[in-house]
Amino acid sequence: MPQEPFDRLIKAALNASQEAPRDVHPDVETLAAWFDRSLDADVMHTVETHLSACPRCQAYAATLVHIDTAASSEGASSAAE
């Protein structure tokens, strides 16, 4: 199944021992706004800087991309029917 390597990467990133302290992670709403590109430039830069160094948040961001891609693919196949 093609998702297995992706799932392993997410699990590995979430279990990474070198993660930033919990209180500096962006919250779910901020990550969603980052993904939607609806943050102001300063906050966007702060989130991107954090994402560049945090495996846990990279996994969350990858999950957002994965979900969006799956939803887009599902929507396209439904429209074709």
N, C-alpha and C. Protein backbone atom coordinates (compact mmCIF):
# COMPACT_ATOMS: atom_id res chain seq x y z
N MET A 1 0.85 -1.18 0.00
CA MET A 1 0.00 0.00 0.00
C MET A 1 0.89 1.24 0.00
N PRO A 2 0.66 2.22 -0.88
CA PRO A 2 1.56 3.36 -1.02
C PRO A 2 1.63 4.28 0.19
N GLN A 3 0.66 4.26 1.06
CA GLN A 3 0.67 5.16 2.20
C GLN A 3 1.55 4.67 3.34
N GLU A 4 1.94 3.42 3.33
CA GLU A 4 2.70 2.88 4.45
C GLU A 4 4.00 3.64 4.70
N PRO A 5 4.83 3.95 3.70
CA PRO A 5 6.05 4.72 3.98
C PRO A 5 5.73 6.10 4.56
N PHE A 6 4.68 6.73 4.05
CA PHE A 6 4.26 8.04 4.55
C PHE A 6 3.87 7.94 6.02
N ASP A 7 3.07 6.93 6.34
CA ASP A 7 2.65 6.74 7.73
C ASP A 7 3.83 6.49 8.65
N ARG A 8 4.80 5.71 8.17
CA ARG A 8 6.01 5.45 8.98
C ARG A 8 6.77 6.74 9.23
N LEU A 9 6.88 7.59 8.21
CA LEU A 9 7.59 8.86 8.38
C LEU A 9 6.90 9.74 9.41
N ILE A 10 5.59 9.80 9.36
CA ILE A 10 4.86 10.61 10.34
C ILE A 10 5.07 10.07 11.74
N LYS A 11 4.94 8.76 11.90
CA LYS A 11 5.13 8.17 13.23
C LYS A 11 6.55 8.43 13.74
N ALA A 12 7.53 8.29 12.86
CA ALA A 12 8.91 8.53 13.27
C ALA A 12 9.11 9.98 13.69
N ALA A 13 8.53 10.89 12.93
CA ALA A 13 8.68 12.31 13.26
C ALA A 13 7.99 12.64 14.58
N LEU A 14 6.83 12.06 14.80
CA LEU A 14 6.11 12.33 16.04
C LEU A 14 6.83 11.75 17.25
N ASN A 15 7.56 10.68 17.03
CA ASN A 15 8.28 10.05 18.13
C ASN A 15 9.72 10.54 18.26
N ALA A 16 10.09 11.50 17.45
CA ALA A 16 11.46 12.00 17.47
C ALA A 16 11.80 12.52 18.86
N SER A 17 12.98 12.17 19.30
CA SER A 17 13.37 12.57 20.65
C SER A 17 13.83 14.02 20.73
N GLN A 18 14.24 14.60 19.62
CA GLN A 18 14.74 15.97 19.64
C GLN A 18 13.68 16.92 19.13
N GLU A 19 12.67 17.12 19.90
CA GLU A 19 11.63 18.06 19.50
C GLU A 19 11.69 19.29 20.38
N ALA A 20 11.14 20.36 19.86
CA ALA A 20 11.13 21.62 20.60
C ALA A 20 10.21 21.47 21.82
N PRO A 21 10.43 22.29 22.83
CA PRO A 21 9.54 22.25 23.99
C PRO A 21 8.09 22.48 23.56
N ARG A 22 7.18 21.82 24.24
CA ARG A 22 5.77 21.84 23.88
C ARG A 22 5.19 23.25 23.78
N ASP A 23 5.61 24.16 24.62
CA ASP A 23 5.00 25.48 24.65
C ASP A 23 5.40 26.37 23.47
N VAL A 24 6.33 25.94 22.63
CA VAL A 24 6.71 26.76 21.48
C VAL A 24 6.15 26.24 20.17
N HIS A 25 5.44 25.11 20.20
CA HIS A 25 4.82 24.60 18.97
C HIS A 25 3.64 25.48 18.59
N PRO A 26 3.47 25.74 17.29
CA PRO A 26 2.25 26.45 16.88
C PRO A 26 1.04 25.56 17.18
N ASP A 27 -0.08 26.19 17.54
CA ASP A 27 -1.28 25.39 17.79
C ASP A 27 -1.90 24.95 16.46
N VAL A 28 -2.88 24.09 16.54
CA VAL A 28 -3.51 23.51 15.35
C VAL A 28 -4.10 24.60 14.45
N GLU A 29 -4.74 25.59 15.05
CA GLU A 29 -5.35 26.65 14.26
C GLU A 29 -4.29 27.45 13.51
N THR A 30 -3.15 27.69 14.15
CA THR A 30 -2.06 28.42 13.49
C THR A 30 -1.47 27.60 12.34
N LEU A 31 -1.29 26.30 12.56
CA LEU A 31 -0.79 25.45 11.47
C LEU A 31 -1.77 25.41 10.31
N ALA A 32 -3.07 25.35 10.60
CA ALA A 32 -4.07 25.37 9.53
C ALA A 32 -4.03 26.69 8.78
N ALA A 33 -3.89 27.79 9.52
CA ALA A 33 -3.80 29.11 8.87
C ALA A 33 -2.52 29.23 8.06
N TRP A 34 -1.43 28.64 8.55
CA TRP A 34 -0.18 28.62 7.77
C TRP A 34 -0.42 27.88 6.45
N PHE A 35 -1.06 26.73 6.54
CA PHE A 35 -1.33 25.92 5.36
C PHE A 35 -2.21 26.69 4.35
N ASP A 36 -3.17 27.44 4.87
CA ASP A 36 -4.06 28.23 4.02
C ASP A 36 -3.43 29.54 3.56
N ARG A 37 -2.24 29.83 4.06
CA ARG A 37 -1.54 31.07 3.75
C ARG A 37 -2.34 32.31 4.18
N SER A 38 -3.00 32.19 5.34
CA SER A 38 -3.81 33.31 5.82
C SER A 38 -3.20 34.03 7.02
N LEU A 39 -1.94 33.74 7.32
CA LEU A 39 -1.25 34.42 8.41
C LEU A 39 -0.56 35.67 7.89
N ASP A 40 -0.35 36.64 8.78
CA ASP A 40 0.43 37.80 8.34
C ASP A 40 1.90 37.38 8.17
N ALA A 41 2.66 38.19 7.49
CA ALA A 41 4.02 37.82 7.08
C ALA A 41 4.92 37.45 8.27
N ASP A 42 4.83 38.20 9.36
CA ASP A 42 5.69 37.91 10.52
C ASP A 42 5.37 36.56 11.15
N VAL A 43 4.09 36.27 11.32
CA VAL A 43 3.69 34.99 11.91
C VAL A 43 4.03 33.85 10.95
N MET A 44 3.82 34.08 9.65
CA MET A 44 4.15 33.06 8.65
C MET A 44 5.64 32.71 8.75
N HIS A 45 6.47 33.73 8.86
CA HIS A 45 7.92 33.51 8.96
C HIS A 45 8.26 32.73 10.25
N THR A 46 7.62 33.09 11.34
CA THR A 46 7.87 32.40 12.61
C THR A 46 7.48 30.93 12.52
N VAL A 47 6.33 30.64 11.93
CA VAL A 47 5.88 29.26 11.80
C VAL A 47 6.82 28.49 10.87
N GLU A 48 7.20 29.09 9.75
CA GLU A 48 8.09 28.41 8.81
C GLU A 48 9.46 28.14 9.42
N THR A 49 9.95 29.07 10.22
CA THR A 49 11.22 28.85 10.90
C THR A 49 11.10 27.68 11.87
N HIS A 50 10.01 27.65 12.60
CA HIS A 50 9.78 26.53 13.53
C HIS A 50 9.66 25.22 12.76
N LEU A 51 8.90 25.21 11.67
CA LEU A 51 8.72 23.99 10.88
C LEU A 51 10.04 23.47 10.32
N SER A 52 10.95 24.36 10.03
CA SER A 52 12.22 23.94 9.46
C SER A 52 13.07 23.13 10.44
N ALA A 53 12.75 23.24 11.74
CA ALA A 53 13.58 22.58 12.75
C ALA A 53 12.83 21.58 13.63
N CYS A 54 11.53 21.44 13.43
CA CYS A 54 10.74 20.62 14.34
C CYS A 54 10.11 19.43 13.61
N PRO A 55 10.63 18.24 13.83
CA PRO A 55 10.08 17.06 13.17
C PRO A 55 8.60 16.82 13.48
N ARG A 56 8.20 17.11 14.69
CA ARG A 56 6.81 16.89 15.08
C ARG A 56 5.88 17.77 14.25
N CYS A 57 6.20 19.04 14.15
CA CYS A 57 5.35 19.95 13.40
C CYS A 57 5.46 19.71 11.89
N GLN A 58 6.62 19.26 11.44
CA GLN A 58 6.76 18.86 10.04
C GLN A 58 5.79 17.73 9.71
N ALA A 59 5.64 16.81 10.64
CA ALA A 59 4.71 15.70 10.43
C ALA A 59 3.28 16.20 10.37
N TYR A 60 2.93 17.14 11.24
CA TYR A 60 1.58 17.71 11.19
C TYR A 60 1.35 18.43 9.86
N ALA A 61 2.34 19.21 9.42
CA ALA A 61 2.22 19.92 8.15
C ALA A 61 2.09 18.93 7.00
N ALA A 62 2.87 17.85 7.03
CA ALA A 62 2.77 16.83 5.99
C ALA A 62 1.40 16.18 6.00
N THR A 63 0.84 16.00 7.17
CA THR A 63 -0.50 15.42 7.28
C THR A 63 -1.53 16.35 6.65
N LEU A 64 -1.40 17.66 6.89
CA LEU A 64 -2.32 18.61 6.27
C LEU A 64 -2.25 18.52 4.75
N VAL A 65 -1.04 18.45 4.22
CA VAL A 65 -0.86 18.33 2.77
C VAL A 65 -1.47 17.03 2.27
N HIS A 66 -1.21 15.95 2.99
CA HIS A 66 -1.73 14.63 2.60
C HIS A 66 -3.26 14.63 2.59
N ILE A 67 -3.87 15.17 3.61
CA ILE A 67 -5.33 15.23 3.70
C ILE A 67 -5.90 16.08 2.58
N ASP A 68 -5.27 17.23 2.35
CA ASP A 68 -5.75 18.12 1.29
C ASP A 68 -5.64 17.45 -0.08
N THR A 69 -4.54 16.76 -0.32
CA THR A 69 -4.34 16.06 -1.59
C THR A 69 -5.38 14.96 -1.76
N ALA A 70 -5.63 14.21 -0.69
CA ALA A 70 -6.62 13.12 -0.76
C ALA A 70 -8.02 13.69 -0.99
N ALA A 71 -8.34 14.79 -0.31
CA ALA A 71 -9.65 15.40 -0.49
C ALA A 71 -9.81 15.95 -1.90
N SER A 72 -8.75 16.54 -2.43
CA SER A 72 -8.79 17.07 -3.79
C SER A 72 -8.97 15.95 -4.79
N SER A 73 -8.26 14.85 -4.59
CA SER A 73 -8.37 13.71 -5.49
C SER A 73 -9.77 13.11 -5.42
N GLU A 74 -10.32 13.01 -4.21
CA GLU A 74 -11.65 12.46 -4.05
C GLU A 74 -12.69 13.37 -4.69
N GLY A 75 -12.51 14.67 -4.54
CA GLY A 75 -13.43 15.63 -5.14
C GLY A 75 -13.38 15.57 -6.66
N ALA A 76 -12.19 15.39 -7.21
CA ALA A 76 -12.04 15.31 -8.66
C ALA A 76 -12.68 14.04 -9.21
N SER A 77 -12.52 12.93 -8.48
CA SER A 77 -13.13 11.68 -8.96
C SER A 77 -14.64 11.72 -8.82
N SER A 78 -15.18 12.40 -7.81
CA SER A 78 -16.62 12.53 -7.65
C SER A 78 -17.21 13.40 -8.75
N ALA A 79 -16.48 14.45 -9.14
CA ALA A 79 -16.94 15.34 -10.19
C ALA A 79 -16.96 14.65 -11.55
N ALA A 80 -16.07 13.66 -11.72
CA ALA A 80 -15.98 12.96 -12.99
C ALA A 80 -17.11 11.95 -13.17
N GLU A 81 -17.76 11.59 -12.07
CA GLU A 81 -18.83 10.59 -12.14
C GLU A 81 -20.10 11.12 -12.67
